[in-house]
C-alpha cells in the first residue's frame, strides 16, 4: 500500500491490489507481471499475503448442550443426593468400556456395561443404568465433552435428568467421577477386556466400592448413606 501511495504522489495511479497481484504472479515468457523475487523488497518479505478473517470453528458433534457452568449451585455444594457425574472407563486396546456414574454428595457408584463407545450404545447403556436410580434422585448429570454423549438430549428426555457438559480437557470439573474411577481401576486394570465382565461382576465391584468406610462420612459407607436417603423417601 505504501508503494501505491508514493506512486500516486508522483502522478502514477496504480492500486495496491494491482501491485500485489503483479508480485504474486511473477513475469513469465510472453506474459505480464514483475520479475521473480521482487517480493523480498516488501517490508515483510512475503510473496503471498497472509489470509485474514475468522477461522471456522471446529465441528462439535454434541450440538447445542448445557454447559457445566450452568449446573445448579446445590450440585457444587454436595448437600443433596442426585447430582451425578459420569464417564467411560476404557479397557484393553481401547476396544471395550464401562459406564461409571458417581453421586457427588454420597460418592455412591453405579456401573453399566456398554457394547461400544459409540453414541448409540452409550445412550442405551446409560439409560439402562439411570433406570436403576430412583427418579427423584436423577437431578443432574455432568459428563465430559466426548463424542459418546452426542445423544445427550435424548438421554435427558428418556431418563428425566438434566445433562451438563464439561469444558474440553477439564477433568477437575468432575472430581468425584475422576477420583472414583481410580477406585474402579483397582478392580479392572487398563489391560482388562471389559466386555467379559458380567452384570454380576459389575454389581460386585459396585458393592466393594460402596462399602468402603469413608473419613468424610465419619467412617460410614456410601452404601449406608444411600440406604438412609432411599428409606427417607419410602
Protein backbone atom coordinates (compact mmCIF):
# COMPACT_ATOMS: atom_id res chain seq x y z
CA UNK A 1 0.00 0.00 0.00
CA UNK A 2 2.91 2.35 0.75
CA UNK A 3 4.23 1.85 -2.79
CA UNK A 4 0.82 2.75 -4.20
CA UNK A 5 0.73 5.95 -2.13
CA UNK A 6 4.23 7.01 -3.20
CA UNK A 7 3.45 6.37 -6.88
CA UNK A 8 0.25 8.38 -6.58
CA UNK A 9 2.27 11.30 -5.20
CA UNK A 10 4.35 11.11 -8.40
CA UNK A 11 1.22 11.17 -10.56
CA UNK A 12 1.12 7.42 -11.24
CA UNK A 13 -2.21 5.89 -10.20
CA UNK A 14 -1.82 2.15 -9.54
CA UNK A 15 -3.83 0.46 -6.82
CA UNK A 16 -2.09 -1.59 -4.18
CA UNK A 17 -4.18 -4.57 -5.26
CA UNK A 18 -2.68 -4.40 -8.76
CA UNK A 19 0.81 -4.28 -7.29
CA UNK A 20 0.21 -7.28 -5.05
CA UNK A 21 -1.21 -9.30 -7.95
CA UNK A 22 1.86 -8.49 -10.07
CA UNK A 23 4.10 -9.68 -7.22
CA UNK A 24 2.10 -12.85 -6.66
CA UNK A 25 2.18 -13.71 -10.38
CA UNK A 26 5.79 -13.05 -11.46
CA UNK A 27 6.79 -12.36 -15.04
CA UNK A 28 6.94 -15.31 -17.40
CA UNK A 29 7.92 -15.69 -21.03
CA UNK A 30 5.45 -13.74 -23.12
CA UNK A 31 3.40 -12.72 -20.06
CA UNK A 32 2.99 -9.81 -17.66
CA UNK A 33 3.91 -9.42 -14.03
CA UNK A 34 7.06 -8.36 -12.28
CA UNK A 35 10.43 -10.05 -12.11
CA UNK A 36 10.60 -13.08 -9.77
CA UNK A 37 11.93 -12.28 -6.30
CA UNK A 38 10.71 -8.70 -6.06
CA UNK A 39 8.58 -9.71 -3.06
CA UNK A 40 11.78 -9.62 -0.99
CA UNK A 41 11.74 -5.83 -1.27
CA UNK A 42 8.45 -5.65 0.62
CA UNK A 43 8.56 -4.70 4.28
CA UNK A 44 7.62 -8.22 5.44
CA UNK A 45 9.26 -10.00 2.54
CA UNK A 46 6.21 -12.16 1.79
CA UNK A 47 5.33 -13.23 -1.71
CA UNK A 48 1.77 -14.05 -0.70
CA UNK A 49 -0.42 -12.08 1.68
CA UNK A 50 -1.48 -13.70 4.92
CA UNK A 51 -5.12 -14.66 4.82
CA UNK A 52 -7.22 -12.83 7.33
CA UNK A 53 -10.60 -13.39 8.80
CA UNK A 54 -12.05 -15.64 11.47
CA UNK A 55 -11.20 -19.28 11.18
CA UNK A 56 -14.21 -21.56 11.11
CA UNK A 57 -14.85 -23.19 14.45
CA UNK A 58 -14.21 -26.87 14.95
CA UNK A 59 -17.27 -29.02 14.37
CA UNK A 60 -18.78 -30.24 17.62
CA UNK A 61 -20.75 -33.46 17.39
CA UNK A 62 -22.64 -32.61 20.59
CA UNK A 63 -24.56 -29.77 19.01
CA UNK A 64 -26.21 -27.43 21.49
CA UNK A 65 -25.66 -28.53 25.07
CA UNK A 66 -25.86 -27.24 28.63
CA UNK A 67 -22.52 -26.11 29.99
CA UNK A 68 -21.29 -27.44 33.32
CA UNK A 69 -21.00 -23.80 34.37
CA UNK A 70 -24.82 -23.67 34.38
CA UNK A 71 -25.17 -26.61 36.75
CA UNK A 72 -27.23 -25.80 39.87
CA UNK A 73 -25.30 -24.32 42.78
CA UNK A 74 -26.56 -27.08 45.07
CA UNK A 75 -24.64 -29.58 42.94
CA UNK A 76 -21.42 -27.76 43.76
CA UNK A 77 -22.23 -27.74 47.46
CA UNK A 78 -22.63 -31.54 47.60
CA UNK A 79 -25.51 -31.26 50.03
CA UNK A 80 -28.16 -33.05 48.02
CA UNK A 81 -28.26 -36.60 46.72
CA UNK A 82 -28.99 -36.79 43.00
CA UNK A 83 -26.34 -34.66 41.31
CA UNK A 84 -24.24 -37.12 39.37
CA UNK A 85 -21.00 -37.28 37.38
CA UNK A 86 -20.41 -39.83 34.64
CA UNK A 87 -17.72 -41.11 32.32
CA UNK A 88 -16.39 -44.14 30.47
CA UNK A 89 -13.62 -46.37 31.76
CA UNK A 90 -11.86 -47.90 28.76
CA UNK A 91 -10.42 -51.40 28.62
CA UNK A 92 -7.59 -53.16 26.78
CA UNK A 93 -6.60 -51.78 23.36
CA UNK A 94 -9.33 -49.15 23.72
CA UNK A 95 -11.83 -51.77 22.48
CA UNK A 96 -14.17 -52.11 25.46
CA UNK A 97 -15.64 -49.79 28.05
CA UNK A 98 -17.75 -49.42 31.19
CA UNK A 99 -20.05 -46.59 32.18
CA UNK A 100 -19.32 -45.16 35.62
CA UNK A 101 -21.71 -42.80 37.41
CA UNK A 102 -20.96 -41.35 40.86
CA UNK A 103 -23.18 -39.26 43.09
CA UNK A 104 -21.39 -36.07 44.16
CA UNK A 105 -22.82 -35.97 47.69
CA UNK A 106 -22.73 -39.67 48.62
CA UNK A 107 -19.79 -40.86 46.46
CA UNK A 108 -22.05 -43.78 45.56
CA UNK A 109 -21.25 -45.54 42.29
CA UNK A 110 -23.28 -47.32 39.63
CA UNK A 111 -21.58 -49.27 36.83
CA UNK A 112 -23.03 -50.15 33.47
CA UNK A 113 -21.91 -52.28 30.57
CA UNK A 114 -21.85 -50.86 27.05
CA UNK A 115 -21.32 -52.59 23.71
CA UNK A 116 -19.02 -49.88 22.39
CA UNK A 117 -18.12 -46.22 22.84
CA UNK A 118 -20.49 -45.15 20.08
CA UNK A 119 -23.13 -42.55 20.93
CA UNK A 120 -25.92 -45.04 20.24
CA UNK A 121 -24.54 -47.72 22.54
CA UNK A 122 -23.67 -45.24 25.28
CA UNK A 123 -27.20 -43.85 25.16
CA UNK A 124 -28.65 -47.35 25.54
CA UNK A 125 -26.27 -48.31 28.35
CA UNK A 126 -26.60 -45.02 30.22
CA UNK A 127 -30.41 -45.02 30.08
CA UNK A 128 -30.37 -48.57 31.42
CA UNK A 129 -28.05 -47.54 34.26
CA UNK A 130 -30.03 -44.42 35.16
CA UNK A 131 -33.18 -46.50 35.34
CA UNK A 132 -31.67 -48.14 38.44
CA UNK A 133 -31.62 -44.77 40.21
CA UNK A 134 -34.92 -43.57 41.73
CA UNK A 135 -36.43 -40.80 39.57
CA UNK A 136 -36.37 -38.29 42.43
CA UNK A 137 -32.59 -38.72 42.63
CA UNK A 138 -31.92 -38.05 38.93
CA UNK A 139 -31.35 -34.32 39.29
CA UNK A 140 -28.34 -33.67 37.07
CA UNK A 141 -25.53 -35.49 35.31
CA UNK A 142 -22.17 -33.95 34.38
CA UNK A 143 -20.18 -35.57 31.56
CA UNK A 144 -17.06 -34.69 29.64
CA UNK A 145 -17.13 -33.35 26.09
CA UNK A 146 -16.69 -36.69 24.37
CA UNK A 147 -18.49 -37.79 21.19
CA UNK A 148 -20.02 -40.70 23.11
CA UNK A 149 -22.51 -38.33 24.78
CA UNK A 150 -23.69 -36.86 21.45
CA UNK A 151 -27.26 -38.08 22.10
CA UNK A 152 -27.43 -36.23 25.41
CA UNK A 153 -30.74 -34.56 24.58
CA UNK A 154 -32.45 -37.91 24.03
CA UNK A 155 -30.89 -39.37 27.16
CA UNK A 156 -32.14 -36.36 29.12
CA UNK A 157 -35.69 -36.86 27.86
CA UNK A 158 -35.76 -40.62 28.35
CA UNK A 159 -34.17 -40.68 31.81
CA UNK A 160 -35.67 -37.41 33.05
CA UNK A 161 -32.34 -35.86 34.01
CA UNK A 162 -30.58 -32.60 33.14
CA UNK A 163 -27.19 -33.24 31.47
CA UNK A 164 -24.35 -30.73 31.71
CA UNK A 165 -21.19 -30.98 29.61
CA UNK A 166 -17.76 -30.06 30.99
CA UNK A 167 -15.17 -27.95 29.20
CA UNK A 168 -12.70 -29.79 26.94
CA UNK A 169 -9.71 -31.27 28.78
CA UNK A 170 -11.03 -30.21 32.20
CA UNK A 171 -11.29 -33.37 34.36
CA UNK A 172 -11.17 -31.27 37.55
CA UNK A 173 -14.71 -30.12 36.76
CA UNK A 174 -15.91 -33.67 37.54
CA UNK A 175 -13.68 -34.54 40.52
CA UNK A 176 -15.98 -37.12 42.11
CA UNK A 177 -16.02 -39.22 38.97
CA UNK A 178 -12.33 -38.76 38.23
CA UNK A 179 -11.34 -39.84 41.73
CA UNK A 180 -13.92 -42.61 41.78
CA UNK A 181 -12.65 -44.05 38.52
CA UNK A 182 -9.36 -44.60 40.30
CA UNK A 183 -11.19 -46.98 42.67
CA UNK A 184 -12.78 -48.74 39.72
CA UNK A 185 -9.33 -49.22 38.20
CA UNK A 186 -8.28 -51.21 41.27
CA UNK A 187 -10.75 -53.86 40.13
CA UNK A 188 -10.45 -53.52 36.34
CA UNK A 189 -6.93 -52.73 35.20
CA UNK A 190 -6.14 -50.99 31.93
CA UNK A 191 -5.32 -54.33 30.32
CA UNK A 192 -8.73 -55.81 31.13
CA UNK A 193 -11.19 -56.85 28.42
CA UNK A 194 -14.23 -55.19 29.99
CA UNK A 195 -16.63 -56.89 27.59
CA UNK A 196 -16.09 -60.13 29.52
CA UNK A 197 -17.46 -58.69 32.79
CA UNK A 198 -20.96 -59.90 33.60
CA UNK A 199 -23.69 -57.85 35.32
CA UNK A 200 -22.92 -59.81 38.50
CA UNK A 201 -19.26 -58.83 38.20
CA UNK A 202 -20.25 -55.17 37.97
CA UNK A 203 -22.60 -55.41 40.97
CA UNK A 204 -19.77 -56.99 42.96
CA UNK A 205 -17.39 -54.14 42.10
CA UNK A 206 -20.08 -51.60 42.98
CA UNK A 207 -20.57 -53.26 46.35
CA UNK A 208 -16.85 -53.31 47.10
CA UNK A 209 -16.53 -49.58 46.39
CA UNK A 210 -19.78 -48.53 48.06
CA UNK A 211 -18.92 -50.33 51.29
CA UNK A 212 -15.54 -48.67 51.81
CA UNK A 213 -15.60 -46.72 55.13
CA UNK A 214 -15.02 -43.05 54.33
CA UNK A 215 -13.44 -40.44 56.54
CA UNK A 216 -15.70 -37.71 55.11
CA UNK A 217 -18.73 -39.64 56.48
CA UNK A 218 -17.14 -40.31 59.88
CA UNK A 219 -16.22 -43.77 58.60
CA UNK A 220 -19.69 -44.61 57.39
CA UNK A 221 -20.02 -46.06 53.90
CA UNK A 222 -21.61 -44.69 50.77
CA UNK A 223 -23.96 -47.67 50.86
CA UNK A 224 -25.18 -46.75 54.34
CA UNK A 225 -25.74 -43.14 53.24
CA UNK A 226 -27.61 -44.29 50.14
CA UNK A 227 -29.84 -46.64 52.10
CA UNK A 228 -30.60 -43.83 54.56
CA UNK A 229 -31.67 -41.44 51.80
CA UNK A 230 -33.77 -44.03 49.98
CA UNK A 231 -35.50 -45.04 53.24
CA UNK A 232 -36.49 -41.40 53.79
CA UNK A 233 -38.42 -41.39 50.51
CA UNK A 234 -40.32 -44.65 51.12
